[in-house]
C-alpha atoms as a PDB file:
ATOM      1  CA  MET A   1     -31.879 -78.892  44.570  1.00  0.00           C
ATOM      2  CA  MET A   2     -33.630 -76.750  41.985  1.00  0.00           C
ATOM      3  CA  SER A   3     -37.085 -75.600  43.121  1.00  0.00           C
ATOM      4  CA  GLU A   4     -40.169 -75.825  40.900  1.00  0.00           C
ATOM      5  CA  SER A   5     -40.750 -72.089  41.169  1.00  0.00           C
ATOM      6  CA  PRO A   6     -37.876 -69.624  41.754  1.00  0.00           C
ATOM      7  CA  GLU A   7     -37.827 -68.031  45.188  1.00  0.00           C
ATOM      8  CA  ILE A   8     -37.161 -64.320  45.635  1.00  0.00           C
ATOM      9  CA  LEU A   9     -34.504 -64.288  48.345  1.00  0.00           C
ATOM     10  CA  SER A  10     -34.510 -60.554  49.034  1.00  0.00           C
ATOM     11  CA  THR A  11     -36.233 -57.401  47.819  1.00  0.00           C
ATOM     12  CA  LYS A  12     -34.857 -54.919  50.334  1.00  0.00           C
ATOM     13  CA  VAL A  13     -31.895 -52.659  49.584  1.00  0.00           C
ATOM     14  CA  GLU A  14     -29.958 -51.325  52.577  1.00  0.00           C
ATOM     15  CA  ILE A  15     -27.236 -48.679  52.850  1.00  0.00           C
ATOM     16  CA  VAL A  16     -24.372 -49.986  54.976  1.00  0.00           C
ATOM     17  CA  LYS A  17     -20.860 -48.998  55.966  1.00  0.00           C
ATOM     18  CA  LEU A  18     -18.134 -50.471  53.774  1.00  0.00           C
ATOM     19  CA  SER A  19     -16.340 -51.481  56.970  1.00  0.00           C
ATOM     20  CA  LYS A  20     -19.093 -54.050  57.604  1.00  0.00           C
ATOM     21  CA  LEU A  21     -18.415 -55.884  54.328  1.00  0.00           C
ATOM     22  CA  SER A  22     -15.633 -58.192  53.177  1.00  0.00           C
ATOM     23  CA  PRO A  23     -14.736 -59.662  49.790  1.00  0.00           C
ATOM     24  CA  HIS A  24     -15.526 -63.362  49.714  1.00  0.00           C
ATOM     25  CA  PRO A  25     -12.254 -65.158  50.569  1.00  0.00           C
ATOM     26  CA  GLU A  26     -12.960 -67.909  48.017  1.00  0.00           C
ATOM     27  CA  ASN A  27     -13.885 -65.656  45.107  1.00  0.00           C
ATOM     28  CA  PRO A  28     -11.847 -66.896  42.090  1.00  0.00           C
ATOM     29  CA  ARG A  29     -12.777 -63.980  39.854  1.00  0.00           C
ATOM     30  CA  ARG A  30     -10.174 -61.354  38.958  1.00  0.00           C
ATOM     31  CA  GLY A  31     -11.832 -58.179  37.750  1.00  0.00           C
ATOM     32  CA  THR A  32     -10.938 -54.744  36.455  1.00  0.00           C
ATOM     33  CA  VAL A  33     -11.344 -52.565  39.529  1.00  0.00           C
ATOM     34  CA  GLY A  34     -10.157 -49.428  37.724  1.00  0.00           C
ATOM     35  CA  VAL A  35     -12.945 -49.644  35.136  1.00  0.00           C
ATOM     36  CA  ILE A  36     -15.567 -50.104  37.861  1.00  0.00           C
ATOM     37  CA  ALA A  37     -14.125 -47.195  39.846  1.00  0.00           C
ATOM     38  CA  GLU A  38     -14.401 -44.984  36.766  1.00  0.00           C
ATOM     39  CA  SER A  39     -18.043 -46.038  36.378  1.00  0.00           C
ATOM     40  CA  LEU A  40     -18.789 -45.251  40.038  1.00  0.00           C
ATOM     41  CA  LEU A  41     -17.294 -41.788  39.672  1.00  0.00           C
ATOM     42  CA  GLU A  42     -19.139 -41.133  36.414  1.00  0.00           C
ATOM     43  CA  HIS A  43     -22.559 -42.662  37.173  1.00  0.00           C
ATOM     44  CA  GLY A  44     -22.663 -43.531  40.870  1.00  0.00           C
ATOM     45  CA  GLN A  45     -23.714 -46.956  42.159  1.00  0.00           C
ATOM     46  CA  PHE A  46     -26.671 -48.271  40.168  1.00  0.00           C
ATOM     47  CA  ARG A  47     -26.643 -51.929  41.282  1.00  0.00           C
ATOM     48  CA  PRO A  48     -26.556 -53.124  44.918  1.00  0.00           C
ATOM     49  CA  LEU A  49     -24.006 -55.644  46.133  1.00  0.00           C
ATOM     50  CA  VAL A  50     -25.301 -59.087  47.076  1.00  0.00           C
ATOM     51  CA  VAL A  51     -24.087 -59.985  50.571  1.00  0.00           C
ATOM     52  CA  GLN A  52     -24.343 -63.017  52.858  1.00  0.00           C
ATOM     53  CA  ARG A  53     -25.858 -61.594  56.031  1.00  0.00           C
ATOM     54  CA  SER A  54     -24.227 -63.949  58.549  1.00  0.00           C
ATOM     55  CA  THR A  55     -20.645 -63.274  57.372  1.00  0.00           C
ATOM     56  CA  GLY A  56     -20.760 -59.942  55.555  1.00  0.00           C
ATOM     57  CA  TYR A  57     -19.094 -61.645  52.576  1.00  0.00           C
ATOM     58  CA  VAL A  58     -19.920 -60.200  49.167  1.00  0.00           C
ATOM     59  CA  LEU A  59     -21.355 -62.820  46.804  1.00  0.00           C
ATOM     60  CA  GLY A  60     -22.061 -60.503  43.885  1.00  0.00           C
ATOM     61  CA  GLY A  61     -20.002 -57.361  43.364  1.00  0.00           C
ATOM     62  CA  ASN A  62     -16.653 -58.141  44.984  1.00  0.00           C
ATOM     63  CA  HIS A  63     -14.811 -55.857  42.599  1.00  0.00           C
ATOM     64  CA  THR A  64     -17.392 -53.119  43.024  1.00  0.00           C
ATOM     65  CA  LEU A  65     -16.570 -53.252  46.743  1.00  0.00           C
ATOM     66  CA  ALA A  66     -12.863 -52.834  45.945  1.00  0.00           C
ATOM     67  CA  ALA A  67     -13.634 -49.988  43.539  1.00  0.00           C
ATOM     68  CA  ALA A  68     -15.826 -48.250  46.134  1.00  0.00           C
ATOM     69  CA  LEU A  69     -12.950 -48.331  48.610  1.00  0.00           C
ATOM     70  CA  GLN A  70     -10.617 -47.000  45.937  1.00  0.00           C
ATOM     71  CA  THR A  71     -12.886 -44.047  45.196  1.00  0.00           C
ATOM     72  CA  GLY A  72     -13.264 -43.109  48.855  1.00  0.00           C
ATOM     73  CA  MET A  73     -16.869 -44.228  49.365  1.00  0.00           C
ATOM     74  CA  THR A  74     -17.797 -45.009  52.973  1.00  0.00           C
ATOM     75  CA  GLU A  75     -21.289 -46.447  52.413  1.00  0.00           C
ATOM     76  CA  ILE A  76     -22.790 -48.624  49.729  1.00  0.00           C
ATOM     77  CA  ALA A  77     -26.133 -50.173  48.768  1.00  0.00           C
ATOM     78  CA  VAL A  78     -26.471 -53.903  49.441  1.00  0.00           C
ATOM     79  CA  THR A  79     -29.038 -56.658  49.315  1.00  0.00           C
ATOM     80  CA  TYR A  80     -28.586 -59.189  52.117  1.00  0.00           C
ATOM     81  CA  LEU A  81     -29.215 -62.914  51.662  1.00  0.00           C
ATOM     82  CA  ASP A  82     -29.874 -65.246  54.595  1.00  0.00           C
ATOM     83  CA  VAL A  83     -28.052 -68.275  53.190  1.00  0.00           C
ATOM     84  CA  ASP A  84     -25.606 -70.767  54.677  1.00  0.00           C
ATOM     85  CA  ASP A  85     -21.981 -71.046  53.570  1.00  0.00           C
ATOM     86  CA  SER A  86     -22.665 -73.870  51.112  1.00  0.00           C
ATOM     87  CA  GLU A  87     -25.408 -71.939  49.308  1.00  0.00           C
ATOM     88  CA  ALA A  88     -23.276 -68.783  49.408  1.00  0.00           C
ATOM     89  CA  ARG A  89     -20.485 -70.566  47.512  1.00  0.00           C
ATOM     90  CA  ARG A  90     -22.929 -71.785  44.876  1.00  0.00           C
ATOM     91  CA  ILE A  91     -24.319 -68.273  44.404  1.00  0.00           C
ATOM     92  CA  LEU A  92     -20.761 -66.926  44.138  1.00  0.00           C
ATOM     93  CA  LEU A  93     -19.986 -69.489  41.428  1.00  0.00           C
ATOM     94  CA  VAL A  94     -23.085 -68.902  39.335  1.00  0.00           C
ATOM     95  CA  ASP A  95     -22.764 -65.120  39.576  1.00  0.00           C
ATOM     96  CA  ASN A  96     -19.267 -65.361  38.072  1.00  0.00           C
ATOM     97  CA  ARG A  97     -20.174 -68.041  35.548  1.00  0.00           C
ATOM     98  CA  THR A  98     -23.193 -66.284  34.061  1.00  0.00           C
ATOM     99  CA  SER A  99     -20.931 -63.350  33.183  1.00  0.00           C
ATOM    100  CA  ASP A 100     -18.500 -65.722  31.436  1.00  0.00           C
ATOM    101  CA  LEU A 101     -21.229 -67.306  29.329  1.00  0.00           C
ATOM    102  CA  GLY A 102     -22.590 -64.037  27.971  1.00  0.00           C
ATOM    103  CA  THR A 103     -21.908 -62.988  24.384  1.00  0.00           C
ATOM    104  CA  TYR A 104     -22.538 -59.859  22.325  1.00  0.00           C
ATOM    105  CA  ASP A 105     -24.466 -58.964  19.241  1.00  0.00           C
ATOM    106  CA  ASN A 106     -21.470 -57.108  17.778  1.00  0.00           C
ATOM    107  CA  ALA A 107     -23.539 -54.926  15.467  1.00  0.00           C
ATOM    108  CA  GLY A 108     -25.775 -53.922  18.380  1.00  0.00           C
ATOM    109  CA  LEU A 109     -22.783 -53.273  20.621  1.00  0.00           C
ATOM    110  CA  LEU A 110     -21.126 -51.082  18.017  1.00  0.00           C
ATOM    111  CA  ARG A 111     -24.332 -49.152  17.451  1.00  0.00           C
ATOM    112  CA  LEU A 112     -24.792 -48.593  21.199  1.00  0.00           C
ATOM    113  CA  LEU A 113     -21.177 -47.475  21.652  1.00  0.00           C
ATOM    114  CA  GLN A 114     -21.408 -45.027  18.773  1.00  0.00           C
ATOM    115  CA  GLU A 115     -24.664 -43.580  20.128  1.00  0.00           C
ATOM    116  CA  ALA A 116     -23.119 -43.227  23.603  1.00  0.00           C
ATOM    117  CA  LYS A 117     -20.121 -41.436  22.124  1.00  0.00           C
ATOM    118  CA  ASP A 118     -22.346 -39.177  20.022  1.00  0.00           C
ATOM    119  CA  ASP A 119     -24.431 -38.285  23.102  1.00  0.00           C
ATOM    120  CA  TYR A 120     -21.534 -37.237  25.357  1.00  0.00           C
ATOM    121  CA  GLY A 121     -18.525 -36.870  23.088  1.00  0.00           C
ATOM    122  CA  ASP A 122     -16.591 -39.651  24.819  1.00  0.00           C
ATOM    123  CA  LEU A 123     -16.977 -43.135  26.330  1.00  0.00           C
ATOM    124  CA  ILE A 124     -15.858 -42.336  29.892  1.00  0.00           C
ATOM    125  CA  GLY A 125     -17.576 -44.554  32.437  1.00  0.00           C
ATOM    126  CA  THR A 126     -18.639 -47.218  29.913  1.00  0.00           C
ATOM    127  CA  GLY A 127     -15.632 -49.514  30.235  1.00  0.00           C
ATOM    128  CA  TYR A 128     -14.778 -48.777  26.597  1.00  0.00           C
ATOM    129  CA  ASP A 129     -12.684 -46.126  24.890  1.00  0.00           C
ATOM    130  CA  SER A 130     -12.295 -44.775  21.348  1.00  0.00           C
ATOM    131  CA  ALA A 131      -9.444 -47.174  20.546  1.00  0.00           C
ATOM    132  CA  MET A 132     -11.614 -50.150  21.496  1.00  0.00           C
ATOM    133  CA  LEU A 133     -14.449 -48.747  19.397  1.00  0.00           C
ATOM    134  CA  SER A 134     -12.083 -48.649  16.442  1.00  0.00           C
ATOM    135  CA  ASP A 135     -10.972 -52.226  17.141  1.00  0.00           C
ATOM    136  CA  LEU A 136     -14.552 -53.487  17.333  1.00  0.00           C
ATOM    137  CA  ASN A 137     -15.416 -51.693  14.128  1.00  0.00           C
ATOM    138  CA  ALA A 138     -12.434 -53.300  12.407  1.00  0.00           C
ATOM    139  CA  MET A 139     -13.485 -56.737  13.663  1.00  0.00           C
ATOM    140  CA  SER A 140     -16.953 -56.139  12.277  1.00  0.00           C
ATOM    141  CA  GLU A 141     -15.457 -55.292   8.907  1.00  0.00           C
ATOM    142  CA  GLU A 142     -13.563 -58.594   8.997  1.00  0.00           C
ATOM    143  CA  SER A 143     -16.565 -60.732   9.887  1.00  0.00           C
ATOM    144  CA  GLY A 144     -19.292 -59.200   7.771  1.00  0.00           C
ATOM    145  CA  PRO A 145     -20.817 -56.141   6.110  1.00  0.00           C
ATOM    146  CA  ILE A 146     -22.467 -54.704   9.258  1.00  0.00           C
ATOM    147  CA  ILE A 147     -20.502 -51.645  10.392  1.00  0.00           C
ATOM    148  CA  LEU A 148     -21.889 -49.465  13.183  1.00  0.00           C
ATOM    149  CA  GLY A 149     -25.454 -50.114  12.098  1.00  0.00           C
ATOM    150  CA  GLU A 150     -24.847 -49.691   8.368  1.00  0.00           C
ATOM    151  CA  MET A 151     -25.617 -52.765   6.269  1.00  0.00           C
ATOM    152  CA  SER A 152     -24.256 -53.269   2.775  1.00  0.00           C
ATOM    153  CA  ILE A 153     -27.441 -54.597   1.268  1.00  0.00           C
ATOM    154  CA  GLY A 154     -26.987 -56.686  -1.853  1.00  0.00           C
ATOM    155  CA  GLN A 155     -23.206 -56.876  -1.580  1.00  0.00           C
ATOM    156  CA  THR A 156     -21.919 -60.297  -2.566  1.00  0.00           C
ATOM    157  CA  ALA A 157     -19.159 -62.210  -0.798  1.00  0.00           C
ATOM    158  CA  LYS A 158     -16.908 -61.685  -3.843  1.00  0.00           C
ATOM    159  CA  GLU A 159     -17.527 -57.925  -3.750  1.00  0.00           C
ATOM    160  CA  ARG A 160     -16.677 -57.847  -0.031  1.00  0.00           C
ATOM    161  CA  GLU A 161     -13.523 -59.839  -0.716  1.00  0.00           C
ATOM    162  CA  ASP A 162     -12.467 -57.484  -3.505  1.00  0.00           C
ATOM    163  CA  GLU A 163     -13.219 -54.472  -1.315  1.00  0.00           C
ATOM    164  CA  TYR A 164     -11.040 -55.898   1.464  1.00  0.00           C
ATOM    165  CA  PHE A 165      -8.057 -56.719  -0.753  1.00  0.00           C
ATOM    166  CA  ASN A 166      -8.193 -53.279  -2.365  1.00  0.00           C
ATOM    167  CA  ARG A 167      -7.995 -51.494   0.991  1.00  0.00           C
ATOM    168  CA  ALA A 168      -4.736 -49.909   2.074  1.00  0.00           C
ATOM    169  CA  ILE A 169      -5.320 -50.986   5.701  1.00  0.00           C
ATOM    170  CA  ARG A 170      -5.403 -54.551   7.042  1.00  0.00           C
ATOM    171  CA  THR A 171      -6.929 -55.814  10.273  1.00  0.00           C
ATOM    172  CA  ILE A 172      -5.369 -58.279  12.727  1.00  0.00           C
ATOM    173  CA  VAL A 173      -7.809 -60.097  15.038  1.00  0.00           C
ATOM    174  CA  ILE A 174      -6.741 -62.163  18.064  1.00  0.00           C
ATOM    175  CA  ASP A 175      -8.847 -64.566  20.119  1.00  0.00           C
ATOM    176  CA  VAL A 176      -8.655 -64.132  23.896  1.00  0.00           C
ATOM    177  CA  THR A 177     -10.572 -65.336  26.935  1.00  0.00           C
ATOM    178  CA  ILE A 178     -12.993 -63.105  28.848  1.00  0.00           C
ATOM    179  CA  SER A 179     -10.487 -62.529  31.666  1.00  0.00           C
ATOM    180  CA  GLU A 180      -7.697 -61.760  29.178  1.00  0.00           C
ATOM    181  CA  TYR A 181      -9.983 -59.270  27.395  1.00  0.00           C
ATOM    182  CA  GLU A 182     -10.807 -57.519  30.685  1.00  0.00           C
ATOM    183  CA  TRP A 183      -7.063 -57.328  31.420  1.00  0.00           C
ATOM    184  CA  TRP A 184      -6.459 -55.967  27.903  1.00  0.00           C
ATOM    185  CA  ILE A 185      -8.943 -53.119  28.408  1.00  0.00           C
ATOM    186  CA  THR A 186      -7.173 -51.567  31.386  1.00  0.00           C
ATOM    187  CA  THR A 187      -3.594 -52.517  30.545  1.00  0.00           C
ATOM    188  CA  THR A 188      -3.568 -51.166  26.993  1.00  0.00           C
ATOM    189  CA  ALA A 189      -5.087 -47.896  28.210  1.00  0.00           C
ATOM    190  CA  LYS A 190      -2.142 -47.468  30.602  1.00  0.00           C
ATOM    191  CA  ALA A 191       0.360 -48.509  27.927  1.00  0.00           C
ATOM    192  CA  ARG A 192      -1.066 -46.047  25.385  1.00  0.00           C
ATOM    193  CA  GLU A 193      -0.731 -43.251  27.935  1.00  0.00           C
ATOM    194  CA  ILE A 194       2.870 -44.218  28.757  1.00  0.00           C
ATOM    195  CA  LEU A 195       3.930 -44.376  25.100  1.00  0.00           C
ATOM    196  CA  GLY A 196       1.807 -41.427  24.014  1.00  0.00           C
ATOM    197  CA  VAL A 197      -0.052 -43.249  21.246  1.00  0.00           C
ATOM    198  CA  GLU A 198      -3.685 -42.813  20.268  1.00  0.00           C
ATOM    199  CA  ASP A 199      -4.860 -46.337  19.472  1.00  0.00           C
ATOM    200  CA  ASN A 200      -4.056 -49.999  20.021  1.00  0.00           C
ATOM    201  CA  ALA A 201      -2.723 -50.499  16.493  1.00  0.00           C
ATOM    202  CA  ASP A 202       0.006 -47.896  17.082  1.00  0.00           C
ATOM    203  CA  LEU A 203       0.666 -49.390  20.520  1.00  0.00           C
ATOM    204  CA  VAL A 204       1.192 -52.950  19.242  1.00  0.00           C
ATOM    205  CA  LEU A 205       3.312 -51.845  16.288  1.00  0.00           C
ATOM    206  CA  ARG A 206       5.504 -49.719  18.552  1.00  0.00           C
ATOM    207  CA  LEU A 207       6.008 -52.522  21.085  1.00  0.00           C
ATOM    208  CA  VAL A 208       6.783 -55.157  18.448  1.00  0.00           C
ATOM    209  CA  SER A 209       9.253 -52.798  16.781  1.00  0.00           C
ATOM    210  CA  GLN A 210      11.032 -52.181  20.095  1.00  0.00           C
ATOM    211  CA  LEU A 211      11.173 -55.855  21.113  1.00  0.00           C
ATOM    212  CA  ALA A 212      12.313 -57.108  17.699  1.00  0.00           C
ATOM    213  CA  GLU A 213      14.634 -54.100  17.240  1.00  0.00           C
ATOM    214  CA  VAL A 214      13.268 -53.643  13.749  1.00  0.00           C
ATOM    215  CA  PRO A 215      12.168 -50.136  12.694  1.00  0.00           C
ATOM    216  CA  LEU A 216       8.622 -49.542  11.545  1.00  0.00           C
ATOM    217  CA  PRO A 217       8.134 -49.186   7.790  1.00  0.00           C
ATOM    218  CA  GLU A 218       7.849 -45.679   6.395  1.00  0.00           C
END
């Protein structure tokens, strides 16, 4: 039952051995452990895990736990909750669901990514890479005149249409679920490395050419 005023369940952060924690056995979420591991190595842990005290099950941060093990960490910051199993399952569900329901201001995301790249020269540890930045920029060009913070003030829809059809490059946009997008991030990075290509456009063209046995146009 929802309370009239939200209760703060815990304010204390503790450092505990990873051996004392377990991923929740009913967690339905499938995350990108490699991306989280890269973030841990680049930035360290900046958000504690949320853990059910009685069982040691992780309710928030199951994939961070897996990434910590992958990187060789032996201790991690946690916040313990004294909740029963029923409440633990509900917290597990809402923690996953709130991530699913989030959306982005694409113009703001592009601006932030570009600033992060300008600051450090790369996007390591952000969960993004230069190829994804290019893809997001292309999607922004498809959906409107806002491109990495630049706004084409006064440009009419007809002028945008003419500008698009006069370009030598076309953009293909696909709709995917959140989980499919997370899978795409890590899998395409590996595939680009294997094939030795720089961006996702080259990757997709190369794969389609190989599967269809039709050479790429000159």
